[in-house]
Amino acid sequence: MIEPIFRSSEYDDDATRKNVLHALRGYKGLIIKRQQLEAYHLSGQAYDGMPHSTTNINHEEEKEMKRLEKQEANEWEITLLNNALKLMGQVDDHSEQLADVLRLQFFEFNKVEVCCYKFSQKYKLPDFPRQTFYDYRKEALLKFPLFYPRELRVKKDGK
């Protein structure tokens, strides 16, 4: 059962879930982008302004600055998602379980079966069925936007 505080007649629950899913699925791309940016290596520097020579423009320095800006923006997005999930899990025991469902699937990149197994192991449950996992995820997708600093909820038409 979804707590009333997470449901509002002002927002479209299905559209909000789709929006949150899009943001969470983008996490894997952010991690891959982080790896790509970190793997980048500078080529040799060109020096300019030497006496009696023509001035060479150092494009490598400009490329490095752009790469660092992209890397910083990428890290910022990763941090926002991680912090929102962490804050969500600190509210109460049920919120921690909801956050774990999202973490297992979208932040650790597990298949649903593996998520169910790991969840049942962590909370010492005899079983955690797929349908229960999807029920928890459905609730978690409405709760997550309350902790994410950017608006992920979608207003209903006409409001």
C-alpha atoms as a PDB file:
ATOM      1  CA  MET A   1       0.000   0.000   0.000  1.00  0.00           C
ATOM      2  CA  ILE A   2       1.398   3.358  -1.006  1.00  0.00           C
ATOM      3  CA  GLU A   3       1.454   5.844   1.835  1.00  0.00           C
ATOM      4  CA  PRO A   4      -0.926   8.793   1.309  1.00  0.00           C
ATOM      5  CA  ILE A   5       1.886  11.353   1.606  1.00  0.00           C
ATOM      6  CA  PHE A   6       3.407  10.074  -1.640  1.00  0.00           C
ATOM      7  CA  ARG A   7       0.158  10.223  -3.546  1.00  0.00           C
ATOM      8  CA  SER A   8      -1.310  13.478  -4.648  1.00  0.00           C
ATOM      9  CA  SER A   9      -4.187  14.333  -6.924  1.00  0.00           C
ATOM     10  CA  GLU A  10      -1.903  17.028  -8.337  1.00  0.00           C
ATOM     11  CA  TYR A  11       0.575  14.529  -9.847  1.00  0.00           C
ATOM     12  CA  ASP A  12       0.233  11.751 -12.392  1.00  0.00           C
ATOM     13  CA  ASP A  13       1.615   8.654 -10.666  1.00  0.00           C
ATOM     14  CA  ASP A  14       2.243   6.644 -13.835  1.00  0.00           C
ATOM     15  CA  ALA A  15       4.008   9.506 -15.629  1.00  0.00           C
ATOM     16  CA  THR A  16       6.035  10.240 -12.497  1.00  0.00           C
ATOM     17  CA  ARG A  17       7.154   6.612 -12.273  1.00  0.00           C
ATOM     18  CA  LYS A  18       8.239   6.691 -15.920  1.00  0.00           C
ATOM     19  CA  ASN A  19      10.173   9.890 -15.319  1.00  0.00           C
ATOM     20  CA  VAL A  20      11.924   8.459 -12.246  1.00  0.00           C
ATOM     21  CA  LEU A  21      12.703   5.216 -14.115  1.00  0.00           C
ATOM     22  CA  HIS A  22      14.329   7.268 -16.858  1.00  0.00           C
ATOM     23  CA  ALA A  23      16.508   9.096 -14.309  1.00  0.00           C
ATOM     24  CA  LEU A  24      17.494   5.890 -12.502  1.00  0.00           C
ATOM     25  CA  ARG A  25      18.248   4.004 -15.704  1.00  0.00           C
ATOM     26  CA  GLY A  26      20.543   6.874 -16.673  1.00  0.00           C
ATOM     27  CA  TYR A  27      22.759   6.066 -13.672  1.00  0.00           C
ATOM     28  CA  LYS A  28      24.521   3.264 -15.545  1.00  0.00           C
ATOM     29  CA  GLY A  29      25.327   5.650 -18.393  1.00  0.00           C
ATOM     30  CA  LEU A  30      26.769   8.132 -15.882  1.00  0.00           C
ATOM     31  CA  ILE A  31      29.044   5.431 -14.455  1.00  0.00           C
ATOM     32  CA  ILE A  32      30.213   4.451 -17.943  1.00  0.00           C
ATOM     33  CA  LYS A  33      30.825   8.111 -18.799  1.00  0.00           C
ATOM     34  CA  ARG A  34      32.865   8.457 -15.582  1.00  0.00           C
ATOM     35  CA  GLN A  35      35.078   5.577 -16.677  1.00  0.00           C
ATOM     36  CA  GLN A  36      35.533   7.067 -20.135  1.00  0.00           C
ATOM     37  CA  LEU A  37      36.462  10.482 -18.763  1.00  0.00           C
ATOM     38  CA  GLU A  38      38.911   8.991 -16.267  1.00  0.00           C
ATOM     39  CA  ALA A  39      40.566   6.876 -18.958  1.00  0.00           C
ATOM     40  CA  TYR A  40      41.357   9.924 -21.035  1.00  0.00           C
ATOM     41  CA  HIS A  41      45.092  10.665 -21.229  1.00  0.00           C
ATOM     42  CA  LEU A  42      46.730  13.892 -22.215  1.00  0.00           C
ATOM     43  CA  SER A  43      49.036  13.960 -25.152  1.00  0.00           C
ATOM     44  CA  GLY A  44      52.268  15.931 -24.969  1.00  0.00           C
ATOM     45  CA  GLN A  45      52.005  19.616 -24.228  1.00  0.00           C
ATOM     46  CA  ALA A  46      52.941  22.181 -26.819  1.00  0.00           C
ATOM     47  CA  TYR A  47      54.845  25.186 -25.522  1.00  0.00           C
ATOM     48  CA  ASP A  48      54.403  28.616 -26.964  1.00  0.00           C
ATOM     49  CA  GLY A  49      56.022  31.990 -26.594  1.00  0.00           C
ATOM     50  CA  MET A  50      59.546  30.677 -26.939  1.00  0.00           C
ATOM     51  CA  PRO A  51      62.037  33.340 -28.044  1.00  0.00           C
ATOM     52  CA  HIS A  52      62.379  33.763 -31.810  1.00  0.00           C
ATOM     53  CA  SER A  53      59.666  31.276 -32.682  1.00  0.00           C
ATOM     54  CA  THR A  54      56.092  31.488 -33.793  1.00  0.00           C
ATOM     55  CA  THR A  55      53.431  31.194 -31.135  1.00  0.00           C
ATOM     56  CA  ASN A  56      51.795  27.793 -31.026  1.00  0.00           C
ATOM     57  CA  ILE A  57      48.253  27.502 -29.717  1.00  0.00           C
ATOM     58  CA  ASN A  58      47.890  24.758 -27.149  1.00  0.00           C
ATOM     59  CA  HIS A  59      44.587  23.039 -27.938  1.00  0.00           C
ATOM     60  CA  GLU A  60      45.326  20.223 -25.491  1.00  0.00           C
ATOM     61  CA  GLU A  61      44.881  22.540 -22.514  1.00  0.00           C
ATOM     62  CA  GLU A  62      41.474  23.650 -23.802  1.00  0.00           C
ATOM     63  CA  LYS A  63      40.441  20.024 -24.390  1.00  0.00           C
ATOM     64  CA  GLU A  64      41.518  19.124 -20.858  1.00  0.00           C
ATOM     65  CA  MET A  65      39.486  21.980 -19.370  1.00  0.00           C
ATOM     66  CA  LYS A  66      36.385  20.820 -21.261  1.00  0.00           C
ATOM     67  CA  ARG A  67      36.981  17.239 -20.148  1.00  0.00           C
ATOM     68  CA  LEU A  68      37.290  18.370 -16.523  1.00  0.00           C
ATOM     69  CA  GLU A  69      34.050  20.349 -16.799  1.00  0.00           C
ATOM     70  CA  LYS A  70      32.253  17.300 -18.222  1.00  0.00           C
ATOM     71  CA  GLN A  71      33.754  15.116 -15.507  1.00  0.00           C
ATOM     72  CA  GLU A  72      32.595  17.505 -12.780  1.00  0.00           C
ATOM     73  CA  ALA A  73      29.048  17.679 -14.193  1.00  0.00           C
ATOM     74  CA  ASN A  74      28.949  13.876 -14.473  1.00  0.00           C
ATOM     75  CA  GLU A  75      30.136  13.431 -10.870  1.00  0.00           C
ATOM     76  CA  TRP A  76      27.523  15.927  -9.730  1.00  0.00           C
ATOM     77  CA  GLU A  77      24.722  13.881 -11.335  1.00  0.00           C
ATOM     78  CA  ILE A  78      26.028  10.668  -9.763  1.00  0.00           C
ATOM     79  CA  THR A  79      26.208  12.371  -6.366  1.00  0.00           C
ATOM     80  CA  LEU A  80      22.651  13.710  -6.639  1.00  0.00           C
ATOM     81  CA  LEU A  81      21.259  10.255  -7.363  1.00  0.00           C
ATOM     82  CA  ASN A  82      23.322   8.558  -4.634  1.00  0.00           C
ATOM     83  CA  ASN A  83      22.433  11.167  -2.015  1.00  0.00           C
ATOM     84  CA  ALA A  84      18.726  11.045  -2.822  1.00  0.00           C
ATOM     85  CA  LEU A  85      18.723   7.270  -2.414  1.00  0.00           C
ATOM     86  CA  LYS A  86      20.696   7.522   0.833  1.00  0.00           C
ATOM     87  CA  LEU A  87      18.302  10.134   2.278  1.00  0.00           C
ATOM     88  CA  MET A  88      15.295   8.086   1.223  1.00  0.00           C
ATOM     89  CA  GLY A  89      16.642   5.072   3.104  1.00  0.00           C
ATOM     90  CA  GLN A  90      17.161   7.032   6.316  1.00  0.00           C
ATOM     91  CA  VAL A  91      13.497   7.902   6.916  1.00  0.00           C
ATOM     92  CA  ASP A  92      12.355   4.627   8.481  1.00  0.00           C
ATOM     93  CA  ASP A  93      12.703   0.859   8.098  1.00  0.00           C
ATOM     94  CA  HIS A  94      10.202   0.579   5.253  1.00  0.00           C
ATOM     95  CA  SER A  95      11.865   3.443   3.384  1.00  0.00           C
ATOM     96  CA  GLU A  96      15.195   1.675   3.786  1.00  0.00           C
ATOM     97  CA  GLN A  97      13.695  -1.402   2.131  1.00  0.00           C
ATOM     98  CA  LEU A  98      12.280   0.690  -0.703  1.00  0.00           C
ATOM     99  CA  ALA A  99      15.662   2.348  -1.211  1.00  0.00           C
ATOM    100  CA  ASP A 100      17.334  -1.073  -1.246  1.00  0.00           C
ATOM    101  CA  VAL A 101      15.015  -2.238  -4.022  1.00  0.00           C
ATOM    102  CA  LEU A 102      16.102   0.719  -6.174  1.00  0.00           C
ATOM    103  CA  ARG A 103      19.758   0.379  -5.184  1.00  0.00           C
ATOM    104  CA  LEU A 104      19.893  -3.320  -6.034  1.00  0.00           C
ATOM    105  CA  GLN A 105      18.325  -2.869  -9.446  1.00  0.00           C
ATOM    106  CA  PHE A 106      19.563   0.505 -10.686  1.00  0.00           C
ATOM    107  CA  PHE A 107      22.751   1.219  -8.744  1.00  0.00           C
ATOM    108  CA  GLU A 108      24.175  -2.298  -8.588  1.00  0.00           C
ATOM    109  CA  PHE A 109      22.741  -3.341 -11.980  1.00  0.00           C
ATOM    110  CA  ASN A 110      21.258  -6.660 -10.824  1.00  0.00           C
ATOM    111  CA  LYS A 111      18.556  -8.617 -12.602  1.00  0.00           C
ATOM    112  CA  VAL A 112      15.230  -8.850 -10.782  1.00  0.00           C
ATOM    113  CA  GLU A 113      15.870 -12.438  -9.666  1.00  0.00           C
ATOM    114  CA  VAL A 114      19.194 -11.433  -8.114  1.00  0.00           C
ATOM    115  CA  CYS A 115      17.570  -8.403  -6.475  1.00  0.00           C
ATOM    116  CA  CYS A 116      14.933 -10.645  -4.891  1.00  0.00           C
ATOM    117  CA  TYR A 117      17.582 -13.070  -3.634  1.00  0.00           C
ATOM    118  CA  LYS A 118      19.825 -10.341  -2.172  1.00  0.00           C
ATOM    119  CA  PHE A 119      16.853  -8.565  -0.611  1.00  0.00           C
ATOM    120  CA  SER A 120      15.611 -11.748   1.058  1.00  0.00           C
ATOM    121  CA  GLN A 121      19.130 -12.467   2.342  1.00  0.00           C
ATOM    122  CA  LYS A 122      19.608  -8.978   3.777  1.00  0.00           C
ATOM    123  CA  TYR A 123      16.258  -8.899   5.553  1.00  0.00           C
ATOM    124  CA  LYS A 124      16.327 -12.607   6.478  1.00  0.00           C
ATOM    125  CA  LEU A 125      13.149 -13.430   4.601  1.00  0.00           C
ATOM    126  CA  PRO A 126      12.343 -16.967   3.460  1.00  0.00           C
ATOM    127  CA  ASP A 127      11.370 -15.575   0.061  1.00  0.00           C
ATOM    128  CA  PHE A 128      10.896 -12.274  -1.729  1.00  0.00           C
ATOM    129  CA  PRO A 129       8.714 -12.920  -4.794  1.00  0.00           C
ATOM    130  CA  ARG A 130       9.082 -10.971  -8.025  1.00  0.00           C
ATOM    131  CA  GLN A 131       5.591  -9.496  -7.672  1.00  0.00           C
ATOM    132  CA  THR A 132       6.437  -8.174  -4.209  1.00  0.00           C
ATOM    133  CA  PHE A 133       9.635  -6.718  -5.618  1.00  0.00           C
ATOM    134  CA  TYR A 134       7.640  -4.907  -8.309  1.00  0.00           C
ATOM    135  CA  ASP A 135       5.123  -3.678  -5.707  1.00  0.00           C
ATOM    136  CA  TYR A 136       7.962  -2.256  -3.599  1.00  0.00           C
ATOM    137  CA  ARG A 137       9.572  -0.724  -6.671  1.00  0.00           C
ATOM    138  CA  LYS A 138       6.298   0.891  -7.691  1.00  0.00           C
ATOM    139  CA  GLU A 139       6.050   2.547  -4.282  1.00  0.00           C
ATOM    140  CA  ALA A 140       9.743   3.478  -4.243  1.00  0.00           C
ATOM    141  CA  LEU A 141       9.454   5.217  -7.613  1.00  0.00           C
ATOM    142  CA  LEU A 142       6.906   7.599  -6.097  1.00  0.00           C
ATOM    143  CA  LYS A 143       8.934   8.173  -2.951  1.00  0.00           C
ATOM    144  CA  PHE A 144      12.324   8.781  -4.591  1.00  0.00           C
ATOM    145  CA  PRO A 145      11.382  12.162  -6.180  1.00  0.00           C
ATOM    146  CA  LEU A 146      10.715  13.596  -2.713  1.00  0.00           C
ATOM    147  CA  PHE A 147      14.439  13.341  -1.973  1.00  0.00           C
ATOM    148  CA  TYR A 148      15.850  14.179  -5.395  1.00  0.00           C
ATOM    149  CA  PRO A 149      16.673  17.900  -5.714  1.00  0.00           C
ATOM    150  CA  ARG A 150      15.265  18.209  -9.229  1.00  0.00           C
ATOM    151  CA  GLU A 151      11.564  17.874  -9.905  1.00  0.00           C
ATOM    152  CA  LEU A 152      10.804  14.421 -11.286  1.00  0.00           C
ATOM    153  CA  ARG A 153       7.093  14.395 -10.500  1.00  0.00           C
ATOM    154  CA  VAL A 154       4.776  15.047 -13.415  1.00  0.00           C
ATOM    155  CA  LYS A 155       1.710  17.222 -12.889  1.00  0.00           C
ATOM    156  CA  LYS A 156      -1.603  16.056 -14.222  1.00  0.00           C
ATOM    157  CA  ASP A 157      -2.957  17.769 -17.311  1.00  0.00           C
ATOM    158  CA  GLY A 158      -4.958  20.880 -16.555  1.00  0.00           C
ATOM    159  CA  LYS A 159      -3.134  21.697 -13.305  1.00  0.00           C
END
